[in-house]
């Protein structure tokens, strides 16, 4: 087995296998679409309807909130708590981690952290890309968002023989156009800026170098070589992007038993071409961004403001 097989399999083992089927809460509108003239692949999802044809926004929130320990707590702390459970039979240490994780989220009205957690969930579940570093514990103030990218995920691309680092951005806007514009405006500097002490990604690179915690010393040492500018593997560190844009649409039923799931999917599917066109406009607006691999998740909501409110409520 060569080195690329080794590191590729080790990285794949980092993917969290959370229980439950995410398609029960959020499902595909249609198959993924490549954005012509770019290396962006677009994914379209919708909020599932329950048996009485009501959007399952609250249930989706509960589902992703149950993943906050995986998202927010370093792997070594989770492993320690799991060992204590096996030794003592008590879940106290795991419950402490849940309390700690909840305390890391900002209790502000227009928080975007629900979108960040949803992005993390989709990247893990749909793309099978593990989170490289959880930045939530690195916040200096729980009521503020951390600086830098909204997420950092990793993969090993055997075909290109490189470590693929995925910078993540999440935006929740009532208006899709504003959400797309803001998202790619934030993502672009992480991809197209050259590495330097003043580059947008430098702070996150330092955080990864100083705080990487994979609970696997061999893999951790191998990955850190790619972030060492004095190591030749740094030349094989390939930047890519993952982003989520949540936005409002008026296609969801506003009362029970008003619209079936196939009817909702059909209505949303009829808008996909225009959404792809909007993505292309924003990607090509930034010089050279179309040459980077990007996964763009678009999730229409009945109301992103309602999603935010339910997320804040669930954390309490």
C-alpha atoms as a PDB file:
ATOM      1  CA  UNK A   1       0.000   0.000   0.000  1.00  0.00           C
ATOM      2  CA  UNK A   2       1.459   3.351  -1.007  1.00  0.00           C
ATOM      3  CA  UNK A   3       1.340   6.509   1.091  1.00  0.00           C
ATOM      4  CA  UNK A   4      -1.643   7.963  -0.774  1.00  0.00           C
ATOM      5  CA  UNK A   5      -3.702   4.834   0.024  1.00  0.00           C
ATOM      6  CA  UNK A   6      -2.678   5.114   3.651  1.00  0.00           C
ATOM      7  CA  UNK A   7      -3.560   8.762   4.172  1.00  0.00           C
ATOM      8  CA  UNK A   8      -6.707   8.555   2.037  1.00  0.00           C
ATOM      9  CA  UNK A   9      -8.146   5.713   4.113  1.00  0.00           C
ATOM     10  CA  UNK A  10      -7.110   7.364   7.376  1.00  0.00           C
ATOM     11  CA  UNK A  11      -8.889  10.588   6.385  1.00  0.00           C
ATOM     12  CA  UNK A  12     -12.021   8.691   5.362  1.00  0.00           C
ATOM     13  CA  UNK A  13     -12.151   7.174   8.856  1.00  0.00           C
ATOM     14  CA  UNK A  14     -12.497  10.674  10.283  1.00  0.00           C
ATOM     15  CA  UNK A  15     -15.983  11.059   8.764  1.00  0.00           C
ATOM     16  CA  UNK A  16     -18.603  11.005  11.531  1.00  0.00           C
ATOM     17  CA  UNK A  17     -21.184   8.240  11.061  1.00  0.00           C
ATOM     18  CA  UNK A  18     -24.086   9.915  12.855  1.00  0.00           C
ATOM     19  CA  UNK A  19     -27.284   7.911  13.345  1.00  0.00           C
ATOM     20  CA  UNK A  20     -30.415   8.719  11.397  1.00  0.00           C
ATOM     21  CA  UNK A  21     -31.044   9.418   7.743  1.00  0.00           C
ATOM     22  CA  UNK A  22     -30.609  13.067   6.823  1.00  0.00           C
ATOM     23  CA  UNK A  23     -32.940  12.587   3.841  1.00  0.00           C
ATOM     24  CA  UNK A  24     -35.791  12.267   6.343  1.00  0.00           C
ATOM     25  CA  UNK A  25     -35.249  15.958   7.119  1.00  0.00           C
ATOM     26  CA  UNK A  26     -33.655  17.453   4.026  1.00  0.00           C
ATOM     27  CA  UNK A  27     -33.545  15.861   0.588  1.00  0.00           C
ATOM     28  CA  UNK A  28     -32.451  16.485  -2.990  1.00  0.00           C
ATOM     29  CA  UNK A  29     -34.519  18.682  -5.251  1.00  0.00           C
ATOM     30  CA  UNK A  30     -32.728  17.068  -8.198  1.00  0.00           C
ATOM     31  CA  UNK A  31     -29.357  15.610  -9.124  1.00  0.00           C
ATOM     32  CA  UNK A  32     -26.270  17.758  -8.641  1.00  0.00           C
ATOM     33  CA  UNK A  33     -25.430  20.076 -11.521  1.00  0.00           C
ATOM     34  CA  UNK A  34     -22.094  21.292 -12.839  1.00  0.00           C
ATOM     35  CA  UNK A  35     -21.940  25.020 -13.411  1.00  0.00           C
ATOM     36  CA  UNK A  36     -20.875  25.526 -17.024  1.00  0.00           C
ATOM     37  CA  UNK A  37     -17.525  27.230 -17.543  1.00  0.00           C
ATOM     38  CA  UNK A  38     -16.459  26.676 -13.930  1.00  0.00           C
ATOM     39  CA  UNK A  39     -15.329  23.866 -11.619  1.00  0.00           C
ATOM     40  CA  UNK A  40     -18.295  24.472  -9.325  1.00  0.00           C
ATOM     41  CA  UNK A  41     -20.761  21.680  -8.627  1.00  0.00           C
ATOM     42  CA  UNK A  42     -24.170  22.767  -7.341  1.00  0.00           C
ATOM     43  CA  UNK A  43     -26.405  20.778  -4.986  1.00  0.00           C
ATOM     44  CA  UNK A  44     -30.068  21.604  -4.365  1.00  0.00           C
ATOM     45  CA  UNK A  45     -31.927  20.448  -1.268  1.00  0.00           C
ATOM     46  CA  UNK A  46     -35.325  21.137   0.248  1.00  0.00           C
ATOM     47  CA  UNK A  47     -36.859  20.798   3.704  1.00  0.00           C
ATOM     48  CA  UNK A  48     -38.886  17.591   3.890  1.00  0.00           C
ATOM     49  CA  UNK A  49     -42.616  17.583   4.657  1.00  0.00           C
ATOM     50  CA  UNK A  50     -44.123  15.440   7.401  1.00  0.00           C
ATOM     51  CA  UNK A  51     -47.115  13.103   7.049  1.00  0.00           C
ATOM     52  CA  UNK A  52     -49.488  16.060   7.125  1.00  0.00           C
ATOM     53  CA  UNK A  53     -47.396  17.969   4.565  1.00  0.00           C
ATOM     54  CA  UNK A  54     -45.837  20.518   6.934  1.00  0.00           C
ATOM     55  CA  UNK A  55     -42.165  21.582   6.532  1.00  0.00           C
ATOM     56  CA  UNK A  56     -39.977  19.794   9.089  1.00  0.00           C
ATOM     57  CA  UNK A  57     -37.882  22.838  10.003  1.00  0.00           C
ATOM     58  CA  UNK A  58     -38.022  22.208  13.757  1.00  0.00           C
ATOM     59  CA  UNK A  59     -37.092  18.563  13.292  1.00  0.00           C
ATOM     60  CA  UNK A  60     -34.165  19.513  11.050  1.00  0.00           C
ATOM     61  CA  UNK A  61     -32.955  21.918  13.724  1.00  0.00           C
ATOM     62  CA  UNK A  62     -33.163  19.188  16.383  1.00  0.00           C
ATOM     63  CA  UNK A  63     -31.260  16.828  14.091  1.00  0.00           C
ATOM     64  CA  UNK A  64     -28.316  19.169  13.528  1.00  0.00           C
ATOM     65  CA  UNK A  65     -28.253  20.352  17.165  1.00  0.00           C
ATOM     66  CA  UNK A  66     -27.692  16.736  18.170  1.00  0.00           C
ATOM     67  CA  UNK A  67     -24.420  16.949  16.217  1.00  0.00           C
ATOM     68  CA  UNK A  68     -22.999  19.934  18.087  1.00  0.00           C
ATOM     69  CA  UNK A  69     -20.533  17.878  20.136  1.00  0.00           C
ATOM     70  CA  UNK A  70     -19.092  16.318  16.963  1.00  0.00           C
ATOM     71  CA  UNK A  71     -18.919  19.775  15.398  1.00  0.00           C
ATOM     72  CA  UNK A  72     -17.612  21.777  18.354  1.00  0.00           C
ATOM     73  CA  UNK A  73     -15.471  19.557  20.566  1.00  0.00           C
ATOM     74  CA  UNK A  74     -11.940  18.324  19.726  1.00  0.00           C
ATOM     75  CA  UNK A  75     -11.697  14.612  19.017  1.00  0.00           C
ATOM     76  CA  UNK A  76      -9.352  13.853  21.916  1.00  0.00           C
ATOM     77  CA  UNK A  77     -11.880  15.245  24.411  1.00  0.00           C
ATOM     78  CA  UNK A  78     -14.638  13.109  22.913  1.00  0.00           C
ATOM     79  CA  UNK A  79     -12.427  10.014  23.000  1.00  0.00           C
ATOM     80  CA  UNK A  80     -11.619  10.651  26.664  1.00  0.00           C
ATOM     81  CA  UNK A  81     -15.326  10.975  27.524  1.00  0.00           C
ATOM     82  CA  UNK A  82     -16.102   7.760  25.619  1.00  0.00           C
ATOM     83  CA  UNK A  83     -13.416   5.894  27.571  1.00  0.00           C
ATOM     84  CA  UNK A  84     -14.886   7.165  30.843  1.00  0.00           C
ATOM     85  CA  UNK A  85     -18.301   5.899  29.725  1.00  0.00           C
ATOM     86  CA  UNK A  86     -16.841   2.461  28.995  1.00  0.00           C
ATOM     87  CA  UNK A  87     -14.981   2.427  32.321  1.00  0.00           C
ATOM     88  CA  UNK A  88     -17.649   3.826  34.632  1.00  0.00           C
ATOM     89  CA  UNK A  89     -20.911   3.249  32.747  1.00  0.00           C
ATOM     90  CA  UNK A  90     -21.799   6.887  33.378  1.00  0.00           C
ATOM     91  CA  UNK A  91     -22.659   9.355  30.596  1.00  0.00           C
ATOM     92  CA  UNK A  92     -21.730  12.338  32.825  1.00  0.00           C
ATOM     93  CA  UNK A  93     -18.591  13.217  30.865  1.00  0.00           C
ATOM     94  CA  UNK A  94     -20.465  13.113  27.552  1.00  0.00           C
ATOM     95  CA  UNK A  95     -23.214  15.331  28.984  1.00  0.00           C
ATOM     96  CA  UNK A  96     -20.561  17.815  30.119  1.00  0.00           C
ATOM     97  CA  UNK A  97     -19.307  18.005  26.539  1.00  0.00           C
ATOM     98  CA  UNK A  98     -22.831  18.727  25.298  1.00  0.00           C
ATOM     99  CA  UNK A  99     -23.193  21.541  27.840  1.00  0.00           C
ATOM    100  CA  UNK A 100     -19.791  22.903  26.834  1.00  0.00           C
ATOM    101  CA  UNK A 101     -20.690  22.730  23.136  1.00  0.00           C
ATOM    102  CA  UNK A 102     -23.968  24.609  23.612  1.00  0.00           C
ATOM    103  CA  UNK A 103     -22.145  27.330  25.527  1.00  0.00           C
ATOM    104  CA  UNK A 104     -19.867  27.986  22.549  1.00  0.00           C
ATOM    105  CA  UNK A 105     -22.705  29.195  20.321  1.00  0.00           C
ATOM    106  CA  UNK A 106     -23.666  32.865  20.175  1.00  0.00           C
ATOM    107  CA  UNK A 107     -27.124  33.763  21.485  1.00  0.00           C
ATOM    108  CA  UNK A 108     -27.714  36.618  19.056  1.00  0.00           C
ATOM    109  CA  UNK A 109     -30.778  37.214  16.903  1.00  0.00           C
ATOM    110  CA  UNK A 110     -29.086  37.126  13.504  1.00  0.00           C
ATOM    111  CA  UNK A 111     -26.667  34.315  14.247  1.00  0.00           C
ATOM    112  CA  UNK A 112     -25.451  32.398  11.215  1.00  0.00           C
ATOM    113  CA  UNK A 113     -24.138  29.501  13.274  1.00  0.00           C
ATOM    114  CA  UNK A 114     -27.158  27.356  12.446  1.00  0.00           C
ATOM    115  CA  UNK A 115     -26.162  27.638   8.794  1.00  0.00           C
ATOM    116  CA  UNK A 116     -22.577  26.731   9.655  1.00  0.00           C
ATOM    117  CA  UNK A 117     -23.736  23.598  11.479  1.00  0.00           C
ATOM    118  CA  UNK A 118     -26.029  22.680   8.576  1.00  0.00           C
ATOM    119  CA  UNK A 119     -23.123  23.125   6.147  1.00  0.00           C
ATOM    120  CA  UNK A 120     -20.981  20.857   8.326  1.00  0.00           C
ATOM    121  CA  UNK A 121     -23.768  18.251   8.301  1.00  0.00           C
ATOM    122  CA  UNK A 122     -24.241  18.316   4.517  1.00  0.00           C
ATOM    123  CA  UNK A 123     -20.506  18.203   3.798  1.00  0.00           C
ATOM    124  CA  UNK A 124     -20.155  15.165   6.070  1.00  0.00           C
ATOM    125  CA  UNK A 125     -23.310  13.378   4.894  1.00  0.00           C
ATOM    126  CA  UNK A 126     -23.348  14.220   1.176  1.00  0.00           C
ATOM    127  CA  UNK A 127     -19.678  14.682   0.289  1.00  0.00           C
ATOM    128  CA  UNK A 128     -18.155  12.438   2.988  1.00  0.00           C
ATOM    129  CA  UNK A 129     -15.540  15.065   3.804  1.00  0.00           C
ATOM    130  CA  UNK A 130     -14.486  15.169   7.466  1.00  0.00           C
ATOM    131  CA  UNK A 131     -13.973  18.371   9.383  1.00  0.00           C
ATOM    132  CA  UNK A 132     -10.255  18.997   9.808  1.00  0.00           C
ATOM    133  CA  UNK A 133     -10.424  21.327  12.797  1.00  0.00           C
ATOM    134  CA  UNK A 134     -13.248  22.500  15.037  1.00  0.00           C
ATOM    135  CA  UNK A 135     -12.785  26.198  15.618  1.00  0.00           C
ATOM    136  CA  UNK A 136     -15.605  26.813  18.093  1.00  0.00           C
ATOM    137  CA  UNK A 137     -13.423  26.236  21.213  1.00  0.00           C
ATOM    138  CA  UNK A 138     -10.956  28.810  19.844  1.00  0.00           C
ATOM    139  CA  UNK A 139     -13.469  31.659  20.128  1.00  0.00           C
ATOM    140  CA  UNK A 140     -12.457  34.313  22.648  1.00  0.00           C
ATOM    141  CA  UNK A 141     -16.072  35.391  23.210  1.00  0.00           C
ATOM    142  CA  UNK A 142     -19.062  33.038  22.940  1.00  0.00           C
ATOM    143  CA  UNK A 143     -21.277  35.937  21.810  1.00  0.00           C
ATOM    144  CA  UNK A 144     -19.099  36.607  18.775  1.00  0.00           C
ATOM    145  CA  UNK A 145     -18.458  34.560  15.660  1.00  0.00           C
ATOM    146  CA  UNK A 146     -14.872  33.484  15.094  1.00  0.00           C
ATOM    147  CA  UNK A 147     -12.869  35.093  12.340  1.00  0.00           C
ATOM    148  CA  UNK A 148     -11.826  33.171   9.259  1.00  0.00           C
ATOM    149  CA  UNK A 149     -13.668  30.500   7.289  1.00  0.00           C
ATOM    150  CA  UNK A 150     -16.931  29.037   8.601  1.00  0.00           C
ATOM    151  CA  UNK A 151     -15.515  25.533   8.306  1.00  0.00           C
ATOM    152  CA  UNK A 152     -12.440  23.609   7.202  1.00  0.00           C
ATOM    153  CA  UNK A 153     -12.777  20.139   5.689  1.00  0.00           C
ATOM    154  CA  UNK A 154     -10.218  17.805   4.152  1.00  0.00           C
ATOM    155  CA  UNK A 155      -9.795  15.036   1.602  1.00  0.00           C
ATOM    156  CA  UNK A 156      -6.939  13.310  -0.171  1.00  0.00           C
ATOM    157  CA  UNK A 157      -7.268  13.475  -3.955  1.00  0.00           C
ATOM    158  CA  UNK A 158      -5.359  10.426  -5.177  1.00  0.00           C
ATOM    159  CA  UNK A 159      -5.818  11.303  -8.838  1.00  0.00           C
ATOM    160  CA  UNK A 160      -4.296  14.760  -8.371  1.00  0.00           C
ATOM    161  CA  UNK A 161      -1.902  13.508  -5.657  1.00  0.00           C
ATOM    162  CA  UNK A 162      -2.724  16.363  -3.290  1.00  0.00           C
ATOM    163  CA  UNK A 163      -4.266  17.124   0.063  1.00  0.00           C
ATOM    164  CA  UNK A 164      -7.507  18.945  -0.731  1.00  0.00           C
ATOM    165  CA  UNK A 165      -8.386  21.592   1.850  1.00  0.00           C
ATOM    166  CA  UNK A 166     -11.981  22.781   1.622  1.00  0.00           C
ATOM    167  CA  UNK A 167     -12.678  26.265   2.966  1.00  0.00           C
ATOM    168  CA  UNK A 168     -16.313  26.584   4.035  1.00  0.00           C
ATOM    169  CA  UNK A 169     -18.703  29.538   3.960  1.00  0.00           C
ATOM    170  CA  UNK A 170     -22.353  29.631   4.990  1.00  0.00           C
ATOM    171  CA  UNK A 171     -24.880  32.418   4.440  1.00  0.00           C
ATOM    172  CA  UNK A 172     -28.539  32.687   5.448  1.00  0.00           C
ATOM    173  CA  UNK A 173     -30.369  35.425   3.554  1.00  0.00           C
ATOM    174  CA  UNK A 174     -34.020  35.916   2.689  1.00  0.00           C
ATOM    175  CA  UNK A 175     -32.883  36.906  -0.818  1.00  0.00           C
ATOM    176  CA  UNK A 176     -30.905  34.320  -2.815  1.00  0.00           C
ATOM    177  CA  UNK A 177     -29.008  36.908  -4.861  1.00  0.00           C
ATOM    178  CA  UNK A 178     -27.719  38.671  -1.756  1.00  0.00           C
ATOM    179  CA  UNK A 179     -26.809  35.343  -0.164  1.00  0.00           C
ATOM    180  CA  UNK A 180     -24.843  34.183  -3.200  1.00  0.00           C
ATOM    181  CA  UNK A 181     -23.048  37.503  -3.534  1.00  0.00           C
ATOM    182  CA  UNK A 182     -22.086  37.568   0.147  1.00  0.00           C
ATOM    183  CA  UNK A 183     -21.022  33.920   0.151  1.00  0.00           C
ATOM    184  CA  UNK A 184     -18.659  34.075  -2.822  1.00  0.00           C
ATOM    185  CA  UNK A 185     -17.373  37.470  -1.706  1.00  0.00           C
ATOM    186  CA  UNK A 186     -16.318  35.800   1.553  1.00  0.00           C
ATOM    187  CA  UNK A 187     -15.048  32.572  -0.022  1.00  0.00           C
ATOM    188  CA  UNK A 188     -13.009  34.058  -2.884  1.00  0.00           C
ATOM    189  CA  UNK A 189     -10.103  35.477  -0.811  1.00  0.00           C
ATOM    190  CA  UNK A 190      -9.469  32.083   0.808  1.00  0.00           C
ATOM    191  CA  UNK A 191      -8.994  30.477  -2.595  1.00  0.00           C
ATOM    192  CA  UNK A 192      -7.448  33.075  -4.882  1.00  0.00           C
ATOM    193  CA  UNK A 193      -5.114  34.906  -2.480  1.00  0.00           C
ATOM    194  CA  UNK A 194      -1.496  33.788  -2.546  1.00  0.00           C
ATOM    195  CA  UNK A 195      -0.073  32.412   0.672  1.00  0.00           C
ATOM    196  CA  UNK A 196       1.648  35.061   2.764  1.00  0.00           C
ATOM    197  CA  UNK A 197       1.701  36.369   6.307  1.00  0.00           C
ATOM    198  CA  UNK A 198      -1.095  38.780   5.377  1.00  0.00           C
ATOM    199  CA  UNK A 199      -3.266  36.394   3.355  1.00  0.00           C
ATOM    200  CA  UNK A 200      -6.862  35.745   4.539  1.00  0.00           C
ATOM    201  CA  UNK A 201      -6.170  32.056   5.122  1.00  0.00           C
ATOM    202  CA  UNK A 202      -2.979  32.561   7.150  1.00  0.00           C
ATOM    203  CA  UNK A 203      -4.767  32.770  10.508  1.00  0.00           C
ATOM    204  CA  UNK A 204      -6.633  29.527   9.886  1.00  0.00           C
ATOM    205  CA  UNK A 205      -3.464  27.830   8.660  1.00  0.00           C
ATOM    206  CA  UNK A 206      -1.806  28.785  11.941  1.00  0.00           C
ATOM    207  CA  UNK A 207      -4.794  27.476  13.912  1.00  0.00           C
ATOM    208  CA  UNK A 208      -4.572  24.163  12.100  1.00  0.00           C
ATOM    209  CA  UNK A 209      -0.815  23.962  12.691  1.00  0.00           C
ATOM    210  CA  UNK A 210      -1.172  24.808  16.392  1.00  0.00           C
ATOM    211  CA  UNK A 211      -4.456  23.089  17.335  1.00  0.00           C
ATOM    212  CA  UNK A 212      -4.955  20.109  15.017  1.00  0.00           C
ATOM    213  CA  UNK A 213      -6.564  17.287  17.006  1.00  0.00           C
ATOM    214  CA  UNK A 214      -7.363  14.123  15.050  1.00  0.00           C
ATOM    215  CA  UNK A 215      -6.849  11.565  17.848  1.00  0.00           C
ATOM    216  CA  UNK A 216      -4.461   9.829  15.412  1.00  0.00           C
ATOM    217  CA  UNK A 217      -0.837  10.875  15.859  1.00  0.00           C
ATOM    218  CA  UNK A 218       0.442   9.267  12.662  1.00  0.00           C
ATOM    219  CA  UNK A 219      -2.201  10.903  10.467  1.00  0.00           C
ATOM    220  CA  UNK A 220      -1.839  14.187  12.301  1.00  0.00           C
ATOM    221  CA  UNK A 221       1.915  14.339  11.690  1.00  0.00           C
ATOM    222  CA  UNK A 222       1.423  13.471   8.015  1.00  0.00           C
ATOM    223  CA  UNK A 223      -1.191  16.190   7.507  1.00  0.00           C
ATOM    224  CA  UNK A 224       0.834  18.828   9.344  1.00  0.00           C
ATOM    225  CA  UNK A 225       3.607  18.390   6.784  1.00  0.00           C
ATOM    226  CA  UNK A 226       1.229  19.890   4.195  1.00  0.00           C
ATOM    227  CA  UNK A 227       0.907  23.041   6.300  1.00  0.00           C
ATOM    228  CA  UNK A 228       4.639  23.446   6.848  1.00  0.00           C
ATOM    229  CA  UNK A 229       5.906  25.952   4.287  1.00  0.00           C
ATOM    230  CA  UNK A 230       9.391  24.485   4.630  1.00  0.00           C
ATOM    231  CA  UNK A 231       8.183  21.004   3.661  1.00  0.00           C
ATOM    232  CA  UNK A 232       7.845  19.914   0.034  1.00  0.00           C
ATOM    233  CA  UNK A 233       4.329  18.590   0.730  1.00  0.00           C
ATOM    234  CA  UNK A 234       3.186  22.176   1.167  1.00  0.00           C
ATOM    235  CA  UNK A 235       3.337  22.336  -2.637  1.00  0.00           C
ATOM    236  CA  UNK A 236       0.662  19.632  -2.726  1.00  0.00           C
ATOM    237  CA  UNK A 237      -1.852  21.515  -0.563  1.00  0.00           C
ATOM    238  CA  UNK A 238      -4.772  22.282  -2.880  1.00  0.00           C
ATOM    239  CA  UNK A 239      -7.419  24.841  -1.887  1.00  0.00           C
ATOM    240  CA  UNK A 240     -11.077  24.170  -2.669  1.00  0.00           C
ATOM    241  CA  UNK A 241     -14.414  25.479  -1.446  1.00  0.00           C
ATOM    242  CA  UNK A 242     -17.703  24.330   0.077  1.00  0.00           C
ATOM    243  CA  UNK A 243     -20.538  26.733   0.668  1.00  0.00           C
ATOM    244  CA  UNK A 244     -24.160  26.805   1.740  1.00  0.00           C
ATOM    245  CA  UNK A 245     -26.710  29.465   0.896  1.00  0.00           C
ATOM    246  CA  UNK A 246     -30.025  29.258   2.696  1.00  0.00           C
ATOM    247  CA  UNK A 247     -32.770  31.528   1.331  1.00  0.00           C
ATOM    248  CA  UNK A 248     -36.523  32.068   1.339  1.00  0.00           C
ATOM    249  CA  UNK A 249     -38.975  30.735  -1.233  1.00  0.00           C
ATOM    250  CA  UNK A 250     -42.756  30.844  -1.237  1.00  0.00           C
ATOM    251  CA  UNK A 251     -43.315  27.321  -2.580  1.00  0.00           C
ATOM    252  CA  UNK A 252     -43.678  25.578   0.772  1.00  0.00           C
ATOM    253  CA  UNK A 253     -47.218  24.893   2.016  1.00  0.00           C
ATOM    254  CA  UNK A 254     -48.334  27.319   4.713  1.00  0.00           C
ATOM    255  CA  UNK A 255     -51.028  25.034   6.095  1.00  0.00           C
ATOM    256  CA  UNK A 256     -51.374  21.246   6.545  1.00  0.00           C
ATOM    257  CA  UNK A 257     -52.240  18.890   3.686  1.00  0.00           C
ATOM    258  CA  UNK A 258     -51.935  21.628   1.081  1.00  0.00           C
ATOM    259  CA  UNK A 259     -49.153  20.271  -1.133  1.00  0.00           C
ATOM    260  CA  UNK A 260     -47.448  16.909  -1.668  1.00  0.00           C
ATOM    261  CA  UNK A 261     -43.694  16.328  -1.654  1.00  0.00           C
ATOM    262  CA  UNK A 262     -43.577  15.544  -5.419  1.00  0.00           C
ATOM    263  CA  UNK A 263     -45.497  18.773  -6.116  1.00  0.00           C
ATOM    264  CA  UNK A 264     -43.041  20.774  -4.019  1.00  0.00           C
ATOM    265  CA  UNK A 265     -40.037  19.121  -5.685  1.00  0.00           C
ATOM    266  CA  UNK A 266     -41.449  19.837  -9.125  1.00  0.00           C
ATOM    267  CA  UNK A 267     -41.989  23.523  -8.359  1.00  0.00           C
ATOM    268  CA  UNK A 268     -38.484  23.893  -6.936  1.00  0.00           C
ATOM    269  CA  UNK A 269     -36.943  21.923  -9.796  1.00  0.00           C
ATOM    270  CA  UNK A 270     -38.410  24.414 -12.267  1.00  0.00           C
ATOM    271  CA  UNK A 271     -36.244  27.106 -10.664  1.00  0.00           C
ATOM    272  CA  UNK A 272     -32.970  25.174 -10.718  1.00  0.00           C
ATOM    273  CA  UNK A 273     -31.823  26.512 -14.106  1.00  0.00           C
ATOM    274  CA  UNK A 274     -32.120  30.096 -12.890  1.00  0.00           C
ATOM    275  CA  UNK A 275     -30.342  29.218  -9.642  1.00  0.00           C
ATOM    276  CA  UNK A 276     -27.446  27.632 -11.562  1.00  0.00           C
ATOM    277  CA  UNK A 277     -27.237  30.759 -13.697  1.00  0.00           C
ATOM    278  CA  UNK A 278     -27.088  32.903 -10.559  1.00  0.00           C
ATOM    279  CA  UNK A 279     -24.274  30.778  -9.147  1.00  0.00           C
ATOM    280  CA  UNK A 280     -22.309  31.141 -12.375  1.00  0.00           C
ATOM    281  CA  UNK A 281     -22.727  34.924 -12.292  1.00  0.00           C
ATOM    282  CA  UNK A 282     -21.274  35.148  -8.792  1.00  0.00           C
ATOM    283  CA  UNK A 283     -18.420  32.682  -9.387  1.00  0.00           C
ATOM    284  CA  UNK A 284     -17.254  34.313 -12.615  1.00  0.00           C
ATOM    285  CA  UNK A 285     -17.497  37.763 -11.054  1.00  0.00           C
ATOM    286  CA  UNK A 286     -14.303  36.972  -9.145  1.00  0.00           C
ATOM    287  CA  UNK A 287     -11.185  36.673 -11.282  1.00  0.00           C
ATOM    288  CA  UNK A 288      -9.809  33.097 -11.377  1.00  0.00           C
ATOM    289  CA  UNK A 289     -12.452  31.701  -8.978  1.00  0.00           C
ATOM    290  CA  UNK A 290     -13.958  29.582 -11.764  1.00  0.00           C
ATOM    291  CA  UNK A 291     -10.720  27.543 -11.865  1.00  0.00           C
ATOM    292  CA  UNK A 292     -11.196  26.257  -8.301  1.00  0.00           C
ATOM    293  CA  UNK A 293     -13.196  23.192  -7.274  1.00  0.00           C
ATOM    294  CA  UNK A 294     -16.245  24.361  -5.300  1.00  0.00           C
ATOM    295  CA  UNK A 295     -19.333  22.573  -3.992  1.00  0.00           C
ATOM    296  CA  UNK A 296     -22.290  24.948  -3.587  1.00  0.00           C
ATOM    297  CA  UNK A 297     -25.299  23.809  -1.543  1.00  0.00           C
ATOM    298  CA  UNK A 298     -28.497  25.786  -2.096  1.00  0.00           C
ATOM    299  CA  UNK A 299     -31.241  25.188   0.464  1.00  0.00           C
ATOM    300  CA  UNK A 300     -34.559  27.017   0.024  1.00  0.00           C
ATOM    301  CA  UNK A 301     -36.401  27.560   3.323  1.00  0.00           C
ATOM    302  CA  UNK A 302     -39.924  28.650   4.147  1.00  0.00           C
ATOM    303  CA  UNK A 303     -38.115  31.319   6.224  1.00  0.00           C
ATOM    304  CA  UNK A 304     -34.441  31.535   7.177  1.00  0.00           C
ATOM    305  CA  UNK A 305     -35.404  33.889  10.026  1.00  0.00           C
ATOM    306  CA  UNK A 306     -37.660  31.165  11.452  1.00  0.00           C
ATOM    307  CA  UNK A 307     -34.828  28.641  11.083  1.00  0.00           C
ATOM    308  CA  UNK A 308     -32.513  30.959  13.037  1.00  0.00           C
ATOM    309  CA  UNK A 309     -35.105  31.427  15.796  1.00  0.00           C
ATOM    310  CA  UNK A 310     -35.724  27.706  16.127  1.00  0.00           C
ATOM    311  CA  UNK A 311     -31.971  27.039  16.225  1.00  0.00           C
ATOM    312  CA  UNK A 312     -31.458  29.539  19.074  1.00  0.00           C
ATOM    313  CA  UNK A 313     -34.425  28.065  20.939  1.00  0.00           C
ATOM    314  CA  UNK A 314     -33.119  24.492  20.573  1.00  0.00           C
ATOM    315  CA  UNK A 315     -29.738  25.490  22.033  1.00  0.00           C
ATOM    316  CA  UNK A 316     -31.434  26.742  25.167  1.00  0.00           C
END
